Amino acid sequence: MITVTRLNGGRFVLNAELIRVVEENPDTVVTLTSGDKYVVKERMTEVVSKAVAYGRLLRGLEPRS
């Protein structure tokens, strides 16, 4: 799970394993495999970095912080 921020400042947790597409133009839109879309404040590169780090953590490739 990764924490992201809505445009109104509210934070929520997103299941990174369900991310299908991350787009940025100019707002960052995260589309899940279910088709649900979320507009977040984080840049596309930050969302991708968080998702990759989460995947590494799950697979035991990165220590917990």
Protein backbone atom coordinates (compact mmCIF):
# COMPACT_ATOMS: atom_id res chain seq x y z
CA MET A 1 0.00 0.00 0.00
CA ILE A 2 1.19 3.53 -0.74
CA THR A 3 0.02 6.84 0.70
CA VAL A 4 -1.00 9.55 -1.78
CA THR A 5 -2.70 12.93 -1.53
CA ARG A 6 -5.92 14.15 -3.14
CA LEU A 7 -5.93 17.62 -4.68
CA ASN A 8 -7.94 18.89 -1.68
CA GLY A 9 -5.12 17.77 0.65
CA GLY A 10 -6.78 14.61 1.96
CA ARG A 11 -4.45 11.65 2.19
CA PHE A 12 -5.41 8.05 1.46
CA VAL A 13 -3.81 4.67 1.00
CA LEU A 14 -3.84 3.01 -2.42
CA ASN A 15 -3.13 -0.65 -3.17
CA ALA A 16 -0.07 -0.30 -5.40
CA GLU A 17 -0.53 -3.83 -6.76
CA LEU A 18 -3.74 -2.70 -8.47
CA ILE A 19 -2.20 0.21 -10.39
CA ARG A 20 -2.63 -0.21 -14.11
CA VAL A 21 -1.66 3.22 -15.47
CA VAL A 22 -0.18 6.44 -14.08
CA GLU A 23 -0.56 9.53 -16.29
CA GLU A 24 0.51 13.13 -15.85
CA ASN A 25 -1.02 15.90 -17.91
CA PRO A 26 -0.68 18.12 -15.92
CA ASP A 27 -2.42 16.48 -12.93
CA THR A 28 -1.37 12.97 -12.00
CA VAL A 29 -4.11 10.40 -12.62
CA VAL A 30 -3.75 6.87 -11.24
CA THR A 31 -5.95 4.26 -12.94
CA LEU A 32 -6.48 0.92 -11.19
CA THR A 33 -7.15 -2.45 -12.80
CA SER A 34 -10.81 -1.99 -11.77
CA GLY A 35 -11.02 1.16 -13.91
CA ASP A 36 -11.26 3.46 -10.88
CA LYS A 37 -9.32 6.70 -11.35
CA TYR A 38 -7.73 8.92 -8.72
CA VAL A 39 -6.27 12.38 -9.23
CA VAL A 40 -3.37 12.93 -6.83
CA LYS A 41 -0.93 15.73 -5.95
CA GLU A 42 2.18 13.56 -6.23
CA ARG A 43 4.10 13.65 -9.48
CA MET A 44 4.00 10.58 -11.71
CA THR A 45 7.61 9.71 -10.90
CA GLU A 46 6.87 9.81 -7.16
CA VAL A 47 3.86 7.48 -7.50
CA VAL A 48 5.94 5.06 -9.56
CA SER A 49 8.83 5.21 -7.07
CA LYS A 50 6.47 4.49 -4.16
CA ALA A 51 4.88 1.58 -6.04
CA VAL A 52 8.29 0.09 -6.91
CA ALA A 53 9.52 0.46 -3.31
CA TYR A 54 6.33 -1.22 -2.06
CA GLY A 55 6.84 -4.12 -4.49
CA ARG A 56 10.44 -4.54 -3.35
CA LEU A 57 9.35 -4.50 0.28
CA LEU A 58 6.77 -7.23 -0.39
CA ARG A 59 9.35 -9.40 -2.12
CA GLY A 60 11.92 -8.91 0.65
CA LEU A 61 14.26 -6.90 -1.56
CA GLU A 62 14.12 -3.71 0.53
CA PRO A 63 14.28 -3.31 4.30
CA ARG A 64 11.35 -1.78 6.17
CA SER A 65 11.86 1.80 7.27
